[in-house]
Amino acid sequence: MANLPKGAAGELLAARYLRKKGYTLLAANYRTRFGEIDIIAANRKYIAFVEVKQRDSAAIYAPQEAVTPAKQQRIIRTAMLYLQSHETSLQPRFDVIAIVTDPNNPLKVLSLTHIPAAFDAG
């Protein structure tokens, strides 16, 4: 498992975290013509469209800084397509999970920050 690509390792770590927090995972790597959403998860109140960003501790900037306005727009468009084909009464929310890992072991988490409502569709 330590040989996972960094992106896959980050998504695995984020999925584990969300499950521990009581979320149900609805989809992973959901792709449309507009882009991809790493994880779609739900709890009692929200359907969360989660962007996972992982960097190792040697990186010069925080993982969440990579979720640019352009990336946010792609996620929003992709989420809109998901919601058109998956009816729900839950409130949509756009989260970011930022993970910093050991440079030699992408499964060794040094910090994991969940940012609920990191951006909105407004």
N, C-alpha and C. Protein backbone atom coordinates (compact mmCIF):
# COMPACT_ATOMS: atom_id res chain seq x y z
N MET A 1 0.81 -1.20 0.00
CA MET A 1 0.00 0.00 0.00
C MET A 1 0.86 1.26 0.00
N ALA A 2 2.09 1.18 0.49
CA ALA A 2 2.96 2.36 0.51
C ALA A 2 3.41 2.77 -0.88
N ASN A 3 3.15 1.94 -1.90
CA ASN A 3 3.55 2.27 -3.26
C ASN A 3 2.46 2.96 -4.06
N LEU A 4 1.41 3.41 -3.40
CA LEU A 4 0.35 4.15 -4.09
C LEU A 4 0.88 5.47 -4.62
N PRO A 5 0.36 5.92 -5.75
CA PRO A 5 0.69 7.29 -6.18
C PRO A 5 0.20 8.28 -5.13
N LYS A 6 0.87 9.42 -5.05
CA LYS A 6 0.53 10.40 -4.01
C LYS A 6 -0.94 10.80 -4.02
N GLY A 7 -1.49 11.07 -5.21
CA GLY A 7 -2.89 11.49 -5.29
C GLY A 7 -3.83 10.43 -4.77
N ALA A 8 -3.58 9.17 -5.14
CA ALA A 8 -4.42 8.07 -4.67
C ALA A 8 -4.28 7.89 -3.17
N ALA A 9 -3.08 8.06 -2.65
CA ALA A 9 -2.87 7.93 -1.21
C ALA A 9 -3.65 9.01 -0.47
N GLY A 10 -3.61 10.23 -0.97
CA GLY A 10 -4.34 11.32 -0.32
C GLY A 10 -5.84 11.07 -0.32
N GLU A 11 -6.36 10.57 -1.42
CA GLU A 11 -7.79 10.29 -1.51
C GLU A 11 -8.18 9.15 -0.58
N LEU A 12 -7.32 8.15 -0.45
CA LEU A 12 -7.57 7.06 0.48
C LEU A 12 -7.60 7.58 1.92
N LEU A 13 -6.63 8.40 2.27
CA LEU A 13 -6.57 8.98 3.62
C LEU A 13 -7.79 9.86 3.90
N ALA A 14 -8.21 10.65 2.93
CA ALA A 14 -9.37 11.51 3.09
C ALA A 14 -10.65 10.69 3.25
N ALA A 15 -10.78 9.63 2.46
CA ALA A 15 -11.96 8.77 2.56
C ALA A 15 -12.04 8.12 3.95
N ARG A 16 -10.91 7.65 4.45
CA ARG A 16 -10.89 7.06 5.80
C ARG A 16 -11.32 8.10 6.84
N TYR A 17 -10.79 9.29 6.71
CA TYR A 17 -11.13 10.37 7.64
C TYR A 17 -12.64 10.65 7.61
N LEU A 18 -13.20 10.79 6.42
CA LEU A 18 -14.63 11.10 6.30
C LEU A 18 -15.49 9.99 6.89
N ARG A 19 -15.13 8.75 6.64
CA ARG A 19 -15.89 7.63 7.22
C ARG A 19 -15.87 7.71 8.75
N LYS A 20 -14.69 7.99 9.31
CA LYS A 20 -14.58 8.11 10.77
C LYS A 20 -15.43 9.24 11.32
N LYS A 21 -15.66 10.27 10.50
CA LYS A 21 -16.47 11.41 10.92
C LYS A 21 -17.97 11.19 10.65
N GLY A 22 -18.33 9.99 10.19
CA GLY A 22 -19.74 9.66 10.01
C GLY A 22 -20.32 9.91 8.63
N TYR A 23 -19.47 10.21 7.67
CA TYR A 23 -19.94 10.42 6.30
C TYR A 23 -20.10 9.07 5.60
N THR A 24 -21.03 9.03 4.66
CA THR A 24 -21.19 7.91 3.76
C THR A 24 -20.58 8.32 2.43
N LEU A 25 -19.70 7.50 1.89
CA LEU A 25 -19.08 7.83 0.61
C LEU A 25 -20.02 7.43 -0.52
N LEU A 26 -20.34 8.38 -1.38
CA LEU A 26 -21.26 8.15 -2.49
C LEU A 26 -20.54 7.88 -3.80
N ALA A 27 -19.39 8.53 -3.98
CA ALA A 27 -18.63 8.36 -5.22
C ALA A 27 -17.19 8.81 -4.99
N ALA A 28 -16.31 8.25 -5.81
CA ALA A 28 -14.91 8.67 -5.80
C ALA A 28 -14.47 8.87 -7.24
N ASN A 29 -13.69 9.89 -7.46
CA ASN A 29 -13.18 10.22 -8.79
C ASN A 29 -14.33 10.32 -9.81
N TYR A 30 -15.34 11.07 -9.43
CA TYR A 30 -16.50 11.28 -10.30
C TYR A 30 -16.10 12.23 -11.43
N ARG A 31 -16.21 11.77 -12.66
CA ARG A 31 -15.74 12.53 -13.82
C ARG A 31 -16.89 12.92 -14.74
N THR A 32 -16.79 14.14 -15.26
CA THR A 32 -17.70 14.61 -16.31
C THR A 32 -16.84 15.34 -17.33
N ARG A 33 -17.49 15.89 -18.34
CA ARG A 33 -16.75 16.66 -19.34
C ARG A 33 -16.15 17.94 -18.74
N PHE A 34 -16.64 18.37 -17.58
CA PHE A 34 -16.14 19.60 -16.95
C PHE A 34 -14.95 19.35 -16.04
N GLY A 35 -14.83 18.15 -15.52
CA GLY A 35 -13.75 17.88 -14.60
C GLY A 35 -14.05 16.69 -13.71
N GLU A 36 -13.37 16.65 -12.57
CA GLU A 36 -13.47 15.52 -11.66
C GLU A 36 -13.65 16.03 -10.23
N ILE A 37 -14.42 15.26 -9.47
CA ILE A 37 -14.54 15.50 -8.03
C ILE A 37 -13.92 14.29 -7.35
N ASP A 38 -13.00 14.55 -6.43
CA ASP A 38 -12.27 13.46 -5.80
C ASP A 38 -13.19 12.55 -4.99
N ILE A 39 -14.01 13.16 -4.12
CA ILE A 39 -14.90 12.38 -3.26
C ILE A 39 -16.24 13.10 -3.16
N ILE A 40 -17.31 12.33 -3.24
CA ILE A 40 -18.64 12.85 -2.94
C ILE A 40 -19.12 12.05 -1.74
N ALA A 41 -19.46 12.75 -0.67
CA ALA A 41 -19.84 12.10 0.58
C ALA A 41 -21.04 12.81 1.18
N ALA A 42 -21.76 12.10 2.02
CA ALA A 42 -22.96 12.69 2.63
C ALA A 42 -23.00 12.37 4.12
N ASN A 43 -23.55 13.34 4.86
CA ASN A 43 -23.91 13.08 6.24
C ASN A 43 -25.40 13.41 6.37
N ARG A 44 -25.90 13.61 7.54
CA ARG A 44 -27.34 13.84 7.71
C ARG A 44 -27.82 15.15 7.10
N LYS A 45 -26.94 16.12 6.97
CA LYS A 45 -27.34 17.45 6.52
C LYS A 45 -26.80 17.84 5.14
N TYR A 46 -25.61 17.37 4.81
CA TYR A 46 -24.92 17.85 3.61
C TYR A 46 -24.53 16.73 2.65
N ILE A 47 -24.51 17.10 1.38
CA ILE A 47 -23.79 16.31 0.39
C ILE A 47 -22.53 17.13 0.10
N ALA A 48 -21.39 16.56 0.41
CA ALA A 48 -20.12 17.28 0.31
C ALA A 48 -19.37 16.83 -0.94
N PHE A 49 -19.00 17.82 -1.75
CA PHE A 49 -18.16 17.59 -2.90
C PHE A 49 -16.75 17.98 -2.45
N VAL A 50 -15.89 16.98 -2.31
CA VAL A 50 -14.62 17.15 -1.62
C VAL A 50 -13.45 17.10 -2.58
N GLU A 51 -12.66 18.15 -2.56
CA GLU A 51 -11.41 18.19 -3.30
C GLU A 51 -10.30 17.85 -2.32
N VAL A 52 -9.49 16.86 -2.66
CA VAL A 52 -8.40 16.42 -1.79
C VAL A 52 -7.08 16.91 -2.39
N LYS A 53 -6.30 17.57 -1.57
CA LYS A 53 -4.98 18.02 -2.00
C LYS A 53 -3.96 17.53 -0.99
N GLN A 54 -2.92 16.90 -1.51
CA GLN A 54 -1.86 16.35 -0.67
C GLN A 54 -0.52 16.90 -1.10
N ARG A 55 0.27 17.25 -0.14
CA ARG A 55 1.65 17.68 -0.38
C ARG A 55 2.51 17.03 0.68
N ASP A 56 3.78 16.86 0.39
CA ASP A 56 4.65 16.39 1.46
C ASP A 56 5.20 17.60 2.21
N SER A 57 5.80 17.33 3.34
CA SER A 57 6.23 18.42 4.23
C SER A 57 7.31 19.30 3.62
N ALA A 58 7.93 18.89 2.53
CA ALA A 58 8.95 19.71 1.87
C ALA A 58 8.34 20.73 0.90
N ALA A 59 7.04 20.67 0.68
CA ALA A 59 6.39 21.59 -0.27
C ALA A 59 6.50 23.03 0.23
N ILE A 60 6.52 23.96 -0.71
CA ILE A 60 6.69 25.37 -0.34
C ILE A 60 5.35 26.09 -0.10
N TYR A 61 4.24 25.41 -0.37
CA TYR A 61 2.95 26.04 -0.10
C TYR A 61 1.97 24.98 0.42
N ALA A 62 0.92 25.46 1.06
CA ALA A 62 -0.08 24.59 1.67
C ALA A 62 -0.89 23.89 0.58
N PRO A 63 -1.33 22.66 0.83
CA PRO A 63 -2.09 21.92 -0.19
C PRO A 63 -3.34 22.66 -0.66
N GLN A 64 -4.06 23.28 0.24
CA GLN A 64 -5.32 23.94 -0.13
C GLN A 64 -5.11 25.14 -1.07
N GLU A 65 -3.91 25.66 -1.13
CA GLU A 65 -3.63 26.76 -2.04
C GLU A 65 -3.73 26.33 -3.51
N ALA A 66 -3.71 25.04 -3.77
CA ALA A 66 -3.81 24.53 -5.14
C ALA A 66 -5.26 24.50 -5.64
N VAL A 67 -6.21 24.79 -4.77
CA VAL A 67 -7.62 24.82 -5.19
C VAL A 67 -7.92 26.24 -5.65
N THR A 68 -7.54 26.52 -6.86
CA THR A 68 -7.64 27.85 -7.45
C THR A 68 -9.09 28.17 -7.83
N PRO A 69 -9.39 29.44 -8.10
CA PRO A 69 -10.75 29.77 -8.58
C PRO A 69 -11.15 28.99 -9.83
N ALA A 70 -10.25 28.75 -10.74
CA ALA A 70 -10.57 27.97 -11.94
C ALA A 70 -10.92 26.53 -11.56
N LYS A 71 -10.16 25.95 -10.65
CA LYS A 71 -10.43 24.59 -10.17
C LYS A 71 -11.79 24.55 -9.47
N GLN A 72 -12.08 25.56 -8.68
CA GLN A 72 -13.37 25.64 -7.99
C GLN A 72 -14.52 25.64 -8.99
N GLN A 73 -14.39 26.40 -10.07
CA GLN A 73 -15.45 26.46 -11.08
C GLN A 73 -15.66 25.10 -11.76
N ARG A 74 -14.59 24.38 -12.01
CA ARG A 74 -14.71 23.05 -12.61
C ARG A 74 -15.44 22.10 -11.65
N ILE A 75 -15.12 22.19 -10.37
CA ILE A 75 -15.77 21.35 -9.37
C ILE A 75 -17.25 21.70 -9.28
N ILE A 76 -17.57 22.97 -9.27
CA ILE A 76 -18.97 23.41 -9.19
C ILE A 76 -19.77 22.89 -10.39
N ARG A 77 -19.23 23.03 -11.59
CA ARG A 77 -19.93 22.54 -12.79
C ARG A 77 -20.12 21.02 -12.73
N THR A 78 -19.11 20.32 -12.29
CA THR A 78 -19.19 18.87 -12.18
C THR A 78 -20.24 18.48 -11.13
N ALA A 79 -20.27 19.18 -10.02
CA ALA A 79 -21.26 18.91 -8.97
C ALA A 79 -22.68 19.16 -9.48
N MET A 80 -22.85 20.20 -10.27
CA MET A 80 -24.18 20.48 -10.82
C MET A 80 -24.66 19.32 -11.70
N LEU A 81 -23.76 18.76 -12.50
CA LEU A 81 -24.15 17.60 -13.32
C LEU A 81 -24.48 16.40 -12.44
N TYR A 82 -23.71 16.20 -11.39
CA TYR A 82 -24.00 15.09 -10.47
C TYR A 82 -25.39 15.25 -9.88
N LEU A 83 -25.70 16.45 -9.41
CA LEU A 83 -27.00 16.70 -8.77
C LEU A 83 -28.16 16.57 -9.74
N GLN A 84 -27.94 16.83 -11.01
CA GLN A 84 -29.00 16.66 -12.00
C GLN A 84 -29.40 15.20 -12.16
N SER A 85 -28.46 14.30 -11.94
CA SER A 85 -28.77 12.88 -12.13
C SER A 85 -28.86 12.09 -10.82
N HIS A 86 -28.63 12.75 -9.69
CA HIS A 86 -28.71 12.09 -8.38
C HIS A 86 -29.51 13.00 -7.44
N GLU A 87 -30.80 12.81 -7.43
CA GLU A 87 -31.68 13.65 -6.63
C GLU A 87 -31.37 13.49 -5.14
N THR A 88 -31.36 14.60 -4.42
CA THR A 88 -31.11 14.57 -2.98
C THR A 88 -31.80 15.75 -2.31
N SER A 89 -32.13 15.58 -1.05
CA SER A 89 -32.68 16.68 -0.26
C SER A 89 -31.59 17.34 0.59
N LEU A 90 -30.38 16.83 0.48
CA LEU A 90 -29.26 17.36 1.27
C LEU A 90 -28.74 18.67 0.68
N GLN A 91 -28.21 19.50 1.55
CA GLN A 91 -27.63 20.78 1.14
C GLN A 91 -26.25 20.53 0.54
N PRO A 92 -26.00 20.98 -0.69
CA PRO A 92 -24.67 20.81 -1.28
C PRO A 92 -23.63 21.71 -0.58
N ARG A 93 -22.43 21.19 -0.50
CA ARG A 93 -21.34 21.93 0.13
C ARG A 93 -20.04 21.53 -0.56
N PHE A 94 -19.12 22.49 -0.67
CA PHE A 94 -17.83 22.25 -1.32
C PHE A 94 -16.73 22.31 -0.26
N ASP A 95 -16.13 21.17 -0.01
CA ASP A 95 -15.10 21.05 1.02
C ASP A 95 -13.74 20.81 0.39
N VAL A 96 -12.71 21.11 1.15
CA VAL A 96 -11.34 20.77 0.78
C VAL A 96 -10.74 20.00 1.96
N ILE A 97 -10.04 18.93 1.64
CA ILE A 97 -9.25 18.23 2.64
C ILE A 97 -7.79 18.38 2.22
N ALA A 98 -7.03 19.03 3.08
CA ALA A 98 -5.60 19.30 2.82
C ALA A 98 -4.78 18.36 3.70
N ILE A 99 -3.90 17.62 3.05
CA ILE A 99 -3.11 16.62 3.76
C ILE A 99 -1.63 16.89 3.54
N VAL A 100 -0.88 16.90 4.62
CA VAL A 100 0.58 17.00 4.55
C VAL A 100 1.13 15.67 5.05
N THR A 101 1.98 15.08 4.22
CA THR A 101 2.53 13.77 4.55
C THR A 101 4.05 13.80 4.61
N ASP A 102 4.58 12.72 5.11
CA ASP A 102 6.02 12.52 5.16
C ASP A 102 6.53 12.38 3.72
N PRO A 103 7.64 13.04 3.38
CA PRO A 103 8.15 12.96 2.01
C PRO A 103 8.51 11.54 1.56
N ASN A 104 8.85 10.68 2.51
CA ASN A 104 9.26 9.31 2.18
C ASN A 104 8.13 8.29 2.28
N ASN A 105 6.99 8.71 2.84
CA ASN A 105 5.88 7.78 3.01
C ASN A 105 4.57 8.55 2.85
N PRO A 106 3.95 8.47 1.66
CA PRO A 106 2.73 9.25 1.42
C PRO A 106 1.53 8.81 2.25
N LEU A 107 1.66 7.71 3.00
CA LEU A 107 0.56 7.30 3.89
C LEU A 107 0.79 7.72 5.33
N LYS A 108 1.93 8.35 5.61
CA LYS A 108 2.20 8.84 6.97
C LYS A 108 1.76 10.30 7.04
N VAL A 109 0.62 10.52 7.68
CA VAL A 109 0.02 11.85 7.74
C VAL A 109 0.68 12.66 8.84
N LEU A 110 1.17 13.84 8.46
CA LEU A 110 1.70 14.78 9.43
C LEU A 110 0.61 15.75 9.87
N SER A 111 -0.28 16.10 8.94
CA SER A 111 -1.46 16.91 9.29
C SER A 111 -2.55 16.67 8.25
N LEU A 112 -3.79 16.72 8.72
CA LEU A 112 -4.95 16.61 7.84
C LEU A 112 -5.92 17.69 8.29
N THR A 113 -6.27 18.57 7.37
CA THR A 113 -7.18 19.67 7.67
C THR A 113 -8.40 19.56 6.77
N HIS A 114 -9.56 19.43 7.40
CA HIS A 114 -10.83 19.40 6.67
C HIS A 114 -11.41 20.80 6.72
N ILE A 115 -11.64 21.38 5.54
CA ILE A 115 -12.19 22.74 5.45
C ILE A 115 -13.60 22.63 4.87
N PRO A 116 -14.62 22.52 5.75
CA PRO A 116 -16.00 22.49 5.25
C PRO A 116 -16.36 23.83 4.63
N ALA A 117 -17.15 23.79 3.57
CA ALA A 117 -17.58 25.02 2.88
C ALA A 117 -16.38 25.90 2.54
N ALA A 118 -15.36 25.28 1.96
CA ALA A 118 -14.14 26.01 1.60
C ALA A 118 -14.41 27.07 0.53
N PHE A 119 -15.41 26.82 -0.30
CA PHE A 119 -15.84 27.78 -1.31
C PHE A 119 -17.29 27.52 -1.60
N ASP A 120 -17.94 28.44 -2.32
CA ASP A 120 -19.35 28.23 -2.64
C ASP A 120 -19.61 28.49 -4.12
N ALA A 121 -20.80 28.15 -4.54
CA ALA A 121 -21.15 28.26 -5.94
C ALA A 121 -21.64 29.66 -6.31
N GLY A 122 -21.69 30.55 -5.33
CA GLY A 122 -22.20 31.91 -5.55
C GLY A 122 -21.33 32.70 -6.44
